[in-house]
C-alpha atoms as a PDB file:
ATOM      1  CA  MET A   1     213.027-201.395 -99.889  1.00  0.00           C
ATOM      2  CA  ALA A   2     216.386-200.994 -98.181  1.00  0.00           C
ATOM      3  CA  GLY A   3     217.664-203.947 -96.140  1.00  0.00           C
ATOM      4  CA  PRO A   4     219.374-203.732 -92.778  1.00  0.00           C
ATOM      5  CA  ALA A   5     223.114-203.129 -92.502  1.00  0.00           C
ATOM      6  CA  MET A   6     224.497-206.660 -92.633  1.00  0.00           C
ATOM      7  CA  THR A   7     228.179-207.165 -93.373  1.00  0.00           C
ATOM      8  CA  ALA A   8     229.119-210.224 -95.355  1.00  0.00           C
ATOM      9  CA  PRO A   9     232.615-211.034 -96.669  1.00  0.00           C
ATOM     10  CA  SER A  10     233.335-211.972-100.238  1.00  0.00           C
ATOM     11  CA  PRO A  11     232.528-214.002-102.257  1.00  0.00           C
ATOM     12  CA  TYR A  12     228.897-213.732-101.205  1.00  0.00           C
ATOM     13  CA  ALA A  13     228.661-209.953-101.085  1.00  0.00           C
ATOM     14  CA  ASP A  14     230.082-209.399-104.568  1.00  0.00           C
ATOM     15  CA  LEU A  15     228.016-212.213-106.140  1.00  0.00           C
ATOM     16  CA  ALA A  16     224.776-211.035-104.469  1.00  0.00           C
ATOM     17  CA  GLN A  17     225.308-207.463-105.553  1.00  0.00           C
ATOM     18  CA  ARG A  18     225.898-208.430-109.143  1.00  0.00           C
ATOM     19  CA  ALA A  19     222.789-210.631-109.046  1.00  0.00           C
ATOM     20  CA  LEU A  20     220.762-207.721-107.710  1.00  0.00           C
ATOM     21  CA  ALA A  21     222.162-205.396-110.381  1.00  0.00           C
ATOM     22  CA  CYS A  22     220.776-207.704-113.055  1.00  0.00           C
ATOM     23  CA  LEU A  23     217.306-207.218-111.696  1.00  0.00           C
ATOM     24  CA  ASP A  24     217.560-203.543-110.734  1.00  0.00           C
ATOM     25  CA  GLY A  25     218.311-202.057-114.078  1.00  0.00           C
ATOM     26  CA  ARG A  26     221.493-203.335-115.788  1.00  0.00           C
ATOM     27  CA  ARG A  27     219.815-206.508-117.030  1.00  0.00           C
ATOM     28  CA  ASP A  28     223.174-207.955-118.135  1.00  0.00           C
ATOM     29  CA  VAL A  29     224.099-211.537-117.199  1.00  0.00           C
ATOM     30  CA  SER A  30     227.057-211.881-119.494  1.00  0.00           C
ATOM     31  CA  GLY A  31     229.492-211.364-116.622  1.00  0.00           C
ATOM     32  CA  PHE A  32     228.540-214.533-114.726  1.00  0.00           C
ATOM     33  CA  THR A  33     231.152-217.191-115.105  1.00  0.00           C
ATOM     34  CA  ALA A  34     230.710-220.875-114.639  1.00  0.00           C
ATOM     35  CA  ALA A  35     232.272-220.557-111.171  1.00  0.00           C
ATOM     36  CA  ASP A  36     229.747-217.758-110.317  1.00  0.00           C
ATOM     37  CA  ILE A  37     226.832-219.923-111.355  1.00  0.00           C
ATOM     38  CA  LEU A  38     228.130-222.897-109.337  1.00  0.00           C
ATOM     39  CA  ARG A  39     228.575-220.703-106.260  1.00  0.00           C
ATOM     40  CA  ALA A  40     225.154-219.089-106.727  1.00  0.00           C
ATOM     41  CA  ARG A  41     223.633-222.604-106.791  1.00  0.00           C
ATOM     42  CA  LEU A  42     225.395-223.499-103.503  1.00  0.00           C
ATOM     43  CA  TYR A  43     224.101-220.348-101.886  1.00  0.00           C
ATOM     44  CA  ALA A  44     220.617-221.054-103.180  1.00  0.00           C
ATOM     45  CA  TYR A  45     220.679-224.515-101.675  1.00  0.00           C
ATOM     46  CA  ALA A  46     221.969-223.072 -98.387  1.00  0.00           C
ATOM     47  CA  TYR A  47     218.940-220.762 -98.297  1.00  0.00           C
ATOM     48  CA  ARG A  48     216.637-223.628 -99.251  1.00  0.00           C
ATOM     49  CA  THR A  49     217.766-225.638 -96.257  1.00  0.00           C
ATOM     50  CA  GLN A  50     215.937-223.014 -94.162  1.00  0.00           C
ATOM     51  CA  THR A  51     212.574-223.736 -95.806  1.00  0.00           C
ATOM     52  CA  ILE A  52     211.356-225.783 -92.866  1.00  0.00           C
ATOM     53  CA  GLY A  53     214.022-224.201 -90.650  1.00  0.00           C
ATOM     54  CA  ALA A  54     214.339-220.488 -90.181  1.00  0.00           C
ATOM     55  CA  PHE A  55     211.697-219.468 -92.749  1.00  0.00           C
ATOM     56  CA  HIS A  56     208.941-221.697 -91.338  1.00  0.00           C
ATOM     57  CA  ALA A  57     209.961-221.426 -87.704  1.00  0.00           C
ATOM     58  CA  THR A  58     210.250-217.643 -87.736  1.00  0.00           C
ATOM     59  CA  ARG A  59     206.860-217.261 -89.421  1.00  0.00           C
ATOM     60  CA  GLU A  60     205.245-219.482 -86.828  1.00  0.00           C
ATOM     61  CA  ALA A  61     206.966-217.707 -83.942  1.00  0.00           C
ATOM     62  CA  LEU A  62     205.654-214.350 -85.212  1.00  0.00           C
ATOM     63  CA  ALA A  63     202.057-215.480 -85.242  1.00  0.00           C
ATOM     64  CA  PRO A  64     201.104-213.743 -81.938  1.00  0.00           C
ATOM     65  CA  TRP A  65     201.979-210.358 -83.509  1.00  0.00           C
ATOM     66  CA  ALA A  66     200.379-211.034 -86.899  1.00  0.00           C
ATOM     67  CA  GLY A  67     198.155-207.976 -86.583  1.00  0.00           C
ATOM     68  CA  ASP A  68     201.124-205.589 -86.672  1.00  0.00           C
ATOM     69  CA  PRO A  69     201.610-204.403 -90.289  1.00  0.00           C
ATOM     70  CA  ALA A  70     205.418-204.839 -90.161  1.00  0.00           C
ATOM     71  CA  VAL A  71     205.034-208.365 -88.820  1.00  0.00           C
ATOM     72  CA  ALA A  72     202.436-209.108 -91.433  1.00  0.00           C
ATOM     73  CA  LEU A  73     204.915-207.999 -94.159  1.00  0.00           C
ATOM     74  CA  ALA A  74     207.621-210.184 -92.649  1.00  0.00           C
ATOM     75  CA  ARG A  75     205.327-213.230 -92.505  1.00  0.00           C
ATOM     76  CA  THR A  76     204.295-212.708 -96.111  1.00  0.00           C
ATOM     77  CA  ARG A  77     207.932-212.608 -97.267  1.00  0.00           C
ATOM     78  CA  LEU A  78     208.739-215.756 -95.151  1.00  0.00           C
ATOM     79  CA  ARG A  79     205.952-217.501 -96.942  1.00  0.00           C
ATOM     80  CA  ASP A  80     207.376-216.413-100.280  1.00  0.00           C
ATOM     81  CA  LEU A  81     210.805-217.694 -99.223  1.00  0.00           C
ATOM     82  CA  GLN A  82     209.260-221.059 -98.392  1.00  0.00           C
ATOM     83  CA  ALA A  83     207.546-221.177-101.832  1.00  0.00           C
ATOM     84  CA  LEU A  84     210.865-220.698-103.555  1.00  0.00           C
ATOM     85  CA  ALA A  85     211.799-224.240-102.549  1.00  0.00           C
ATOM     86  CA  MET A  86     209.053-225.626-104.792  1.00  0.00           C
ATOM     87  CA  GLN A  87     211.170-224.558-107.769  1.00  0.00           C
ATOM     88  CA  SER A  88     214.288-226.299-108.935  1.00  0.00           C
ATOM     89  CA  VAL A  89     217.565-224.386-108.733  1.00  0.00           C
ATOM     90  CA  PRO A  90     218.553-223.552-112.327  1.00  0.00           C
ATOM     91  CA  ARG A  91     221.966-224.591-113.752  1.00  0.00           C
ATOM     92  CA  ASP A  92     222.574-221.380-115.643  1.00  0.00           C
ATOM     93  CA  PHE A  93     222.686-217.661-114.832  1.00  0.00           C
ATOM     94  CA  ARG A  94     219.188-217.796-113.405  1.00  0.00           C
ATOM     95  CA  ALA A  95     220.623-219.418-110.251  1.00  0.00           C
ATOM     96  CA  ALA A  96     222.062-215.968-109.512  1.00  0.00           C
ATOM     97  CA  ALA A  97     219.352-213.767-111.056  1.00  0.00           C
ATOM     98  CA  PRO A  98     216.576-214.172-110.100  1.00  0.00           C
ATOM     99  CA  VAL A  99     217.009-217.004-107.546  1.00  0.00           C
ATOM    100  CA  LEU A 100     219.842-215.798-105.384  1.00  0.00           C
ATOM    101  CA  ALA A 101     218.781-212.171-105.737  1.00  0.00           C
ATOM    102  CA  CYS A 102     215.213-213.087-104.481  1.00  0.00           C
ATOM    103  CA  TYR A 103     216.540-214.979-101.533  1.00  0.00           C
ATOM    104  CA  HIS A 104     218.856-212.110-100.630  1.00  0.00           C
ATOM    105  CA  THR A 105     216.312-209.328-101.079  1.00  0.00           C
ATOM    106  CA  TRP A 106     213.450-211.082 -99.355  1.00  0.00           C
ATOM    107  CA  CYS A 107     215.533-212.092 -96.375  1.00  0.00           C
ATOM    108  CA  ASP A 108     216.663-208.522 -96.016  1.00  0.00           C
ATOM    109  CA  GLU A 109     213.030-207.357 -96.221  1.00  0.00           C
ATOM    110  CA  VAL A 110     212.107-209.737 -93.391  1.00  0.00           C
ATOM    111  CA  ALA A 111     214.881-208.403 -91.148  1.00  0.00           C
ATOM    112  CA  TRP A 112     214.051-204.807 -92.086  1.00  0.00           C
ATOM    113  CA  ALA A 113     210.321-205.259 -91.330  1.00  0.00           C
ATOM    114  CA  LEU A 114     211.044-206.819 -87.944  1.00  0.00           C
ATOM    115  CA  ALA A 115     213.213-203.905 -86.996  1.00  0.00           C
ATOM    116  CA  GLN A 116     210.201-201.616 -87.448  1.00  0.00           C
ATOM    117  CA  VAL A 117     208.004-203.477 -84.973  1.00  0.00           C
ATOM    118  CA  ALA A 118     207.108-201.367 -81.981  1.00  0.00           C
ATOM    119  CA  THR A 119     206.185-204.243 -79.702  1.00  0.00           C
ATOM    120  CA  GLY A 120     209.744-204.503 -78.396  1.00  0.00           C
ATOM    121  CA  GLN A 121     212.193-207.101 -77.287  1.00  0.00           C
ATOM    122  CA  ALA A 122     210.297-210.312 -78.089  1.00  0.00           C
ATOM    123  CA  VAL A 123     210.069-209.684 -81.842  1.00  0.00           C
ATOM    124  CA  TRP A 124     213.595-208.201 -81.898  1.00  0.00           C
ATOM    125  CA  ALA A 125     214.923-211.463 -80.391  1.00  0.00           C
ATOM    126  CA  LEU A 126     213.256-213.414 -83.166  1.00  0.00           C
ATOM    127  CA  ARG A 127     214.802-211.045 -85.658  1.00  0.00           C
ATOM    128  CA  ALA A 128     218.281-211.614 -84.071  1.00  0.00           C
ATOM    129  CA  CYS A 129     217.919-215.426 -84.458  1.00  0.00           C
ATOM    130  CA  PHE A 130     216.804-214.957 -88.059  1.00  0.00           C
ATOM    131  CA  GLN A 131     219.742-212.722 -88.824  1.00  0.00           C
ATOM    132  CA  GLU A 132     222.198-215.223 -87.287  1.00  0.00           C
ATOM    133  CA  VAL A 133     221.028-217.773 -89.842  1.00  0.00           C
ATOM    134  CA  LEU A 134     221.658-215.273 -92.632  1.00  0.00           C
ATOM    135  CA  ARG A 135     225.141-214.427 -91.320  1.00  0.00           C
ATOM    136  CA  ARG A 136     226.117-218.113 -91.390  1.00  0.00           C
ATOM    137  CA  ILE A 137     224.990-218.408 -95.036  1.00  0.00           C
ATOM    138  CA  ARG A 138     226.426-215.102 -96.219  1.00  0.00           C
ATOM    139  CA  GLY A 139     229.668-215.521 -94.350  1.00  0.00           C
ATOM    140  CA  SER A 140     230.295-218.916 -95.990  1.00  0.00           C
ATOM    141  CA  HIS A 141     231.773-219.862 -99.407  1.00  0.00           C
ATOM    142  CA  GLY A 142     228.503-221.702-100.246  1.00  0.00           C
ATOM    143  CA  LEU A 143     228.850-224.773 -98.048  1.00  0.00           C
ATOM    144  CA  VAL A 144     227.135-224.315 -94.705  1.00  0.00           C
ATOM    145  CA  PRO A 145     227.673-227.338 -92.444  1.00  0.00           C
ATOM    146  CA  ALA A 146     225.034-228.265 -89.907  1.00  0.00           C
ATOM    147  CA  ARG A 147     225.033-230.751 -87.071  1.00  0.00           C
ATOM    148  CA  ASP A 148     222.466-233.571 -87.024  1.00  0.00           C
ATOM    149  CA  ASP A 149     222.764-234.148 -83.297  1.00  0.00           C
ATOM    150  CA  ALA A 150     221.733-230.644 -82.068  1.00  0.00           C
ATOM    151  CA  LEU A 151     218.546-228.646 -82.020  1.00  0.00           C
ATOM    152  CA  PRO A 152     219.160-225.093 -83.296  1.00  0.00           C
ATOM    153  CA  ALA A 153     217.127-222.225 -81.977  1.00  0.00           C
ATOM    154  CA  GLN A 154     214.302-221.057 -84.258  1.00  0.00           C
ATOM    155  CA  ALA A 155     215.285-223.311 -87.155  1.00  0.00           C
ATOM    156  CA  SER A 156     213.129-226.450 -86.771  1.00  0.00           C
ATOM    157  CA  TYR A 157     209.635-227.756 -87.467  1.00  0.00           C
ATOM    158  CA  LYS A 158     207.359-229.861 -85.252  1.00  0.00           C
ATOM    159  CA  VAL A 159     205.576-232.455 -87.372  1.00  0.00           C
ATOM    160  CA  PRO A 160     201.874-232.598 -86.449  1.00  0.00           C
ATOM    161  CA  GLY A 161     200.805-235.972 -85.094  1.00  0.00           C
ATOM    162  CA  ILE A 162     204.269-237.483 -85.057  1.00  0.00           C
ATOM    163  CA  GLU A 163     205.701-235.979 -81.871  1.00  0.00           C
ATOM    164  CA  VAL A 164     209.061-235.145 -83.366  1.00  0.00           C
ATOM    165  CA  VAL A 165     210.925-231.984 -84.231  1.00  0.00           C
ATOM    166  CA  ILE A 166     212.559-231.870 -87.668  1.00  0.00           C
ATOM    167  CA  VAL A 167     215.891-230.100 -88.120  1.00  0.00           C
ATOM    168  CA  PRO A 168     216.904-229.580 -91.805  1.00  0.00           C
ATOM    169  CA  GLN A 169     220.466-230.261 -92.877  1.00  0.00           C
ATOM    170  CA  ILE A 170     220.463-230.395 -96.728  1.00  0.00           C
ATOM    171  CA  TYR A 171     217.567-229.463 -98.965  1.00  0.00           C
ATOM    172  CA  GLY A 172     218.232-230.509-102.550  1.00  0.00           C
ATOM    173  CA  ASP A 173     216.129-230.950-105.642  1.00  0.00           C
ATOM    174  CA  HIS A 174     215.202-234.604-105.209  1.00  0.00           C
ATOM    175  CA  LEU A 175     216.275-235.326-101.625  1.00  0.00           C
ATOM    176  CA  SER A 176     216.777-233.785 -98.246  1.00  0.00           C
ATOM    177  CA  TRP A 177     218.867-234.714 -95.209  1.00  0.00           C
ATOM    178  CA  ASN A 178     217.171-234.021 -91.903  1.00  0.00           C
ATOM    179  CA  SER A 179     217.310-235.011 -88.248  1.00  0.00           C
ATOM    180  CA  ALA A 180     214.410-235.955 -86.093  1.00  0.00           C
ATOM    181  CA  TYR A 181     214.625-234.973 -82.444  1.00  0.00           C
ATOM    182  CA  LEU A 182     212.968-237.232 -79.844  1.00  0.00           C
ATOM    183  CA  THR A 183     212.759-235.888 -76.290  1.00  0.00           C
ATOM    184  CA  ALA A 184     213.723-238.054 -73.315  1.00  0.00           C
ATOM    185  CA  ASP A 185     210.165-238.240 -72.027  1.00  0.00           C
ATOM    186  CA  SER A 186     208.500-238.976 -75.326  1.00  0.00           C
ATOM    187  CA  ALA A 187     207.626-242.510 -76.393  1.00  0.00           C
ATOM    188  CA  GLY A 188     209.491-241.926 -79.638  1.00  0.00           C
ATOM    189  CA  ALA A 189     208.389-241.208 -83.212  1.00  0.00           C
ATOM    190  CA  THR A 190     204.708-242.073 -83.776  1.00  0.00           C
ATOM    191  CA  THR A 191     204.307-244.580 -86.617  1.00  0.00           C
ATOM    192  CA  HIS A 192     203.509-242.924 -89.903  1.00  0.00           C
ATOM    193  CA  ARG A 193     203.893-243.361 -93.638  1.00  0.00           C
ATOM    194  CA  HIS A 194     204.671-241.442 -96.816  1.00  0.00           C
ATOM    195  CA  HIS A 195     202.755-241.863-100.050  1.00  0.00           C
ATOM    196  CA  TYR A 196     205.360-240.589-102.510  1.00  0.00           C
ATOM    197  CA  GLN A 197     208.644-240.423-100.554  1.00  0.00           C
ATOM    198  CA  VAL A 198     211.365-242.970 -99.894  1.00  0.00           C
ATOM    199  CA  GLU A 199     213.519-242.796 -96.787  1.00  0.00           C
ATOM    200  CA  ILE A 200     216.583-244.170 -94.976  1.00  0.00           C
ATOM    201  CA  HIS A 201     216.667-243.791 -91.146  1.00  0.00           C
ATOM    202  CA  LEU A 202     220.118-243.532 -89.592  1.00  0.00           C
ATOM    203  CA  GLY A 203     220.216-244.338 -85.913  1.00  0.00           C
ATOM    204  CA  TYR A 204     223.372-243.071 -84.182  1.00  0.00           C
ATOM    205  CA  GLY A 205     224.655-244.323 -80.854  1.00  0.00           C
ATOM    206  CA  PRO A 206     224.369-244.047 -77.963  1.00  0.00           C
ATOM    207  CA  LEU A 207     220.804-245.367 -78.357  1.00  0.00           C
ATOM    208  CA  ARG A 208     218.426-247.936 -76.944  1.00  0.00           C
ATOM    209  CA  GLY A 209     215.102-248.569 -78.529  1.00  0.00           C
ATOM    210  CA  ARG A 210     213.120-250.346 -81.211  1.00  0.00           C
ATOM    211  CA  THR A 211     213.015-249.306 -84.859  1.00  0.00           C
ATOM    212  CA  LEU A 212     209.613-250.012 -86.401  1.00  0.00           C
ATOM    213  CA  LEU A 213     208.704-251.094 -89.911  1.00  0.00           C
ATOM    214  CA  ASP A 214     205.378-252.403 -91.241  1.00  0.00           C
ATOM    215  CA  GLY A 215     204.074-253.841 -87.976  1.00  0.00           C
ATOM    216  CA  HIS A 216     207.401-255.332 -86.904  1.00  0.00           C
ATOM    217  CA  ALA A 217     210.194-254.109 -84.631  1.00  0.00           C
ATOM    218  CA  ALA A 218     213.926-254.693 -84.167  1.00  0.00           C
ATOM    219  CA  HIS A 219     215.810-253.917 -80.981  1.00  0.00           C
ATOM    220  CA  VAL A 220     218.711-251.498 -81.555  1.00  0.00           C
ATOM    221  CA  GLU A 221     221.488-250.444 -79.223  1.00  0.00           C
ATOM    222  CA  SER A 222     224.082-249.494 -81.811  1.00  0.00           C
ATOM    223  CA  SER A 223     224.121-247.462 -85.028  1.00  0.00           C
ATOM    224  CA  TYR A 224     221.883-248.774 -87.799  1.00  0.00           C
ATOM    225  CA  ALA A 225     220.370-247.741 -91.204  1.00  0.00           C
ATOM    226  CA  MET A 226     216.853-248.809 -92.159  1.00  0.00           C
ATOM    227  CA  PRO A 227     215.486-248.416 -95.799  1.00  0.00           C
ATOM    228  CA  ILE A 228     211.795-247.411 -96.000  1.00  0.00           C
ATOM    229  CA  PRO A 229     209.796-247.570 -99.225  1.00  0.00           C
ATOM    230  CA  PRO A 230     206.563-245.596 -99.777  1.00  0.00           C
ATOM    231  CA  LEU A 231     203.426-246.731 -98.024  1.00  0.00           C
ATOM    232  CA  ARG A 232     205.286-248.599 -95.304  1.00  0.00           C
ATOM    233  CA  ASP A 233     204.398-247.618 -91.700  1.00  0.00           C
ATOM    234  CA  HIS A 234     207.498-246.809 -89.667  1.00  0.00           C
ATOM    235  CA  GLY A 235     208.671-245.082 -86.525  1.00  0.00           C
ATOM    236  CA  PHE A 236     210.915-245.475 -83.463  1.00  0.00           C
ATOM    237  CA  ASP A 237     210.372-246.379 -79.779  1.00  0.00           C
ATOM    238  CA  ASN A 238     212.867-244.387 -77.651  1.00  0.00           C
ATOM    239  CA  LEU A 239     213.703-246.558 -74.585  1.00  0.00           C
ATOM    240  CA  SER A 240     216.944-244.876 -73.723  1.00  0.00           C
ATOM    241  CA  GLY A 241     215.634-242.386 -71.156  1.00  0.00           C
ATOM    242  CA  HIS A 242     217.559-239.574 -72.841  1.00  0.00           C
ATOM    243  CA  PRO A 243     216.963-237.434 -75.930  1.00  0.00           C
ATOM    244  CA  HIS A 244     217.805-239.077 -79.228  1.00  0.00           C
ATOM    245  CA  PHE A 245     218.344-237.850 -82.749  1.00  0.00           C
ATOM    246  CA  VAL A 246     217.342-239.902 -85.778  1.00  0.00           C
ATOM    247  CA  PRO A 247     218.978-238.472 -88.927  1.00  0.00           C
ATOM    248  CA  PHE A 248     217.169-239.464 -92.098  1.00  0.00           C
ATOM    249  CA  ILE A 249     217.537-239.137 -95.832  1.00  0.00           C
ATOM    250  CA  PHE A 250     214.306-238.322 -97.598  1.00  0.00           C
ATOM    251  CA  GLY A 251     213.676-238.117-101.291  1.00  0.00           C
ATOM    252  CA  SER A 252     211.368-238.520-104.282  1.00  0.00           C
ATOM    253  CA  ARG A 253     211.126-237.686-107.936  1.00  0.00           C
ATOM    254  CA  VAL A 254     207.494-236.804-107.369  1.00  0.00           C
ATOM    255  CA  LEU A 255     207.619-234.318-104.531  1.00  0.00           C
ATOM    256  CA  ASP A 256     211.390-233.666-104.460  1.00  0.00           C
ATOM    257  CA  GLY A 257     213.186-232.782-101.260  1.00  0.00           C
ATOM    258  CA  CYS A 258     210.260-230.644-100.015  1.00  0.00           C
ATOM    259  CA  GLY A 259     208.112-233.768 -99.548  1.00  0.00           C
ATOM    260  CA  VAL A 260     209.227-233.927 -95.942  1.00  0.00           C
ATOM    261  CA  PHE A 261     206.876-230.950 -95.380  1.00  0.00           C
ATOM    262  CA  PHE A 262     203.870-232.279 -97.302  1.00  0.00           C
ATOM    263  CA  ASP A 263     203.879-236.072 -97.432  1.00  0.00           C
ATOM    264  CA  VAL A 264     203.322-237.336 -93.843  1.00  0.00           C
ATOM    265  CA  GLU A 265     200.321-239.465 -92.717  1.00  0.00           C
ATOM    266  CA  PRO A 266     200.292-240.236 -88.935  1.00  0.00           C
ATOM    267  CA  ARG A 267     199.230-243.820 -88.287  1.00  0.00           C
ATOM    268  CA  PRO A 268     199.525-244.370 -84.530  1.00  0.00           C
ATOM    269  CA  ALA A 269     199.625-247.930 -83.388  1.00  0.00           C
ATOM    270  CA  ASP A 270     200.232-250.020 -80.229  1.00  0.00           C
ATOM    271  CA  THR A 271     203.884-250.668 -81.058  1.00  0.00           C
ATOM    272  CA  ALA A 272     204.456-252.727 -77.848  1.00  0.00           C
ATOM    273  CA  ARG A 273     202.488-255.475 -79.545  1.00  0.00           C
ATOM    274  CA  PHE A 274     204.711-255.506 -82.677  1.00  0.00           C
ATOM    275  CA  PRO A 275     206.589-258.850 -83.038  1.00  0.00           C
ATOM    276  CA  THR A 276     210.409-258.593 -82.836  1.00  0.00           C
ATOM    277  CA  SER A 277     212.565-259.463 -85.872  1.00  0.00           C
ATOM    278  CA  PRO A 278     216.327-259.349 -86.416  1.00  0.00           C
ATOM    279  CA  LEU A 279     217.476-255.964 -87.771  1.00  0.00           C
ATOM    280  CA  GLU A 280     218.951-257.444 -90.961  1.00  0.00           C
ATOM    281  CA  SER A 281     215.986-259.721 -91.673  1.00  0.00           C
ATOM    282  CA  ALA A 282     213.738-259.481 -94.754  1.00  0.00           C
ATOM    283  CA  THR A 283     210.905-258.364 -92.396  1.00  0.00           C
ATOM    284  CA  MET A 284     212.959-255.265 -91.552  1.00  0.00           C
ATOM    285  CA  ASN A 285     213.849-254.781 -95.238  1.00  0.00           C
ATOM    286  CA  HIS A 286     217.409-255.958 -94.674  1.00  0.00           C
ATOM    287  CA  SER A 287     218.375-252.989 -92.529  1.00  0.00           C
ATOM    288  CA  VAL A 288     222.085-252.636 -91.686  1.00  0.00           C
ATOM    289  CA  GLU A 289     224.118-252.637 -88.536  1.00  0.00           C
ATOM    290  CA  LEU A 290     226.385-249.651 -89.329  1.00  0.00           C
ATOM    291  CA  ASP A 291     229.104-250.338 -86.760  1.00  0.00           C
ATOM    292  CA  ALA A 292     229.687-253.767 -88.072  1.00  0.00           C
ATOM    293  CA  ALA A 293     229.602-252.579 -91.678  1.00  0.00           C
ATOM    294  CA  PHE A 294     232.211-249.873 -90.878  1.00  0.00           C
ATOM    295  CA  ASP A 295     234.432-252.336 -89.037  1.00  0.00           C
ATOM    296  CA  ARG A 296     234.498-254.543 -92.140  1.00  0.00           C
ATOM    297  CA  LEU A 297     235.217-251.548 -94.359  1.00  0.00           C
ATOM    298  CA  ARG A 298     238.144-250.476 -92.172  1.00  0.00           C
ATOM    299  CA  ARG A 299     239.968-253.680 -93.290  1.00  0.00           C
ATOM    300  CA  ALA A 300     239.323-252.940 -97.002  1.00  0.00           C
ATOM    301  CA  PRO A 301     241.830-251.188 -99.284  1.00  0.00           C
ATOM    302  CA  ALA A 302     241.790-247.391 -99.290  1.00  0.00           C
ATOM    303  CA  GLY A 303     239.312-245.993-101.829  1.00  0.00           C
ATOM    304  CA  GLU A 304     236.991-249.020-101.791  1.00  0.00           C
ATOM    305  CA  ARG A 305     233.311-248.205-102.261  1.00  0.00           C
ATOM    306  CA  ARG A 306     230.624-250.409-100.740  1.00  0.00           C
ATOM    307  CA  VAL A 307     226.889-250.199-101.233  1.00  0.00           C
ATOM    308  CA  LEU A 308     225.329-250.660 -97.768  1.00  0.00           C
ATOM    309  CA  ILE A 309     221.742-250.156 -98.941  1.00  0.00           C
ATOM    310  CA  PRO A 310     221.023-250.632-102.678  1.00  0.00           C
ATOM    311  CA  ALA A 311     218.407-248.391-104.284  1.00  0.00           C
ATOM    312  CA  GLU A 312     216.159-251.365-104.877  1.00  0.00           C
ATOM    313  CA  ARG A 313     215.356-251.578-101.223  1.00  0.00           C
ATOM    314  CA  THR A 314     213.340-248.364-101.400  1.00  0.00           C
ATOM    315  CA  ALA A 315     212.691-247.812-105.103  1.00  0.00           C
ATOM    316  CA  ARG A 316     209.402-247.455-106.841  1.00  0.00           C
ATOM    317  CA  ALA A 317     208.857-246.743-110.501  1.00  0.00           C
ATOM    318  CA  ASP A 318     207.515-243.268-110.003  1.00  0.00           C
ATOM    319  CA  THR A 319     209.410-242.120-106.887  1.00  0.00           C
ATOM    320  CA  GLY A 320     212.949-243.533-107.557  1.00  0.00           C
ATOM    321  CA  GLY A 321     215.081-244.939-104.797  1.00  0.00           C
ATOM    322  CA  LEU A 322     217.804-244.000-102.337  1.00  0.00           C
ATOM    323  CA  GLU A 323     221.244-245.682-102.084  1.00  0.00           C
ATOM    324  CA  LEU A 324     223.483-245.615 -99.051  1.00  0.00           C
ATOM    325  CA  VAL A 325     227.188-245.932 -99.833  1.00  0.00           C
ATOM    326  CA  ALA A 326     230.385-245.928 -97.636  1.00  0.00           C
ATOM    327  CA  TYR A 327     233.922-245.272 -98.752  1.00  0.00           C
ATOM    328  CA  ARG A 328     237.166-246.433 -97.220  1.00  0.00           C
ATOM    329  CA  VAL A 329     239.348-243.317 -96.832  1.00  0.00           C
ATOM    330  CA  GLY A 330     243.069-243.847 -96.515  1.00  0.00           C
ATOM    331  CA  SER A 331     246.032-241.436 -96.293  1.00  0.00           C
ATOM    332  CA  ASP A 332     246.093-240.816-100.102  1.00  0.00           C
ATOM    333  CA  PRO A 333     243.838-238.245-101.781  1.00  0.00           C
ATOM    334  CA  LEU A 334     240.431-239.682-102.664  1.00  0.00           C
ATOM    335  CA  GLN A 335     238.290-238.371-105.451  1.00  0.00           C
ATOM    336  CA  VAL A 336     234.611-239.268-105.139  1.00  0.00           C
ATOM    337  CA  GLN A 337     232.516-239.415-108.233  1.00  0.00           C
ATOM    338  CA  ALA A 338     228.778-240.001-108.688  1.00  0.00           C
ATOM    339  CA  ALA A 339     228.019-243.566-109.645  1.00  0.00           C
END
């Protein structure tokens, strides 16, 4: 099936065409270099970020026209694109063929199918938003930055029972970086828990509210980070009177980064009755005031690495744990290596 005419500058266009050639007849992967494989993995992760973004959001937006055969085809392929995220991205030539080739082909098939719909402007507008996501990925060098303080059109997911909209930022093998959007008139994020996932909430200023953990609350009016182990009820009361974004890191060795889509149990509670505790207390799992931590780090030597939240605060034997680290960056070049 031919895809729509979509221009994309190198290096994506060349890499995608060579990946497609491996599936379409040549069956030769010997030409992929280590650099090709690395770049194919980056593009694959860029596509994966849209699992609960453009892939899910577009499929849901197309539901009113599901009876149209072309829309039905598009929704099937969008479901297939979502399912790809359940597989790890290989570290060899398979990152290009079949993974990148499948992402490329199936995305083109979605755009092509939506161009065939006779219902008119509404579906074509959805197609235009979907294509804009593709252009950003295919016009990049593999790294596609995303804001965690903005709500993109047709690239988010409303979590049932939680009253928040999730915006994906990074979608890796064992973790994801997302942002939860709380409207000005909402009470905040309904308390909920995860069975197999660990999490770190990052509250960015300006904010005014109460961050909630296991039946307790801490007043916050400046940036903070809160570690959340599995099976701990948590949420946020937005008292600011304006919209608020709560970026969060989410991960597990059981459900990988895609757990943000599957591992959510709403547990609504009367949070106004929660007793108040200091943010950095043991009750709040030794959460961190980020502004104060960064002020201390600014006085440290360039290149110093400080663990703000150790993995032990969230870790469980089966799920693993998340660690939050800050670096002091000076004027000299700084090389960051995995610990």
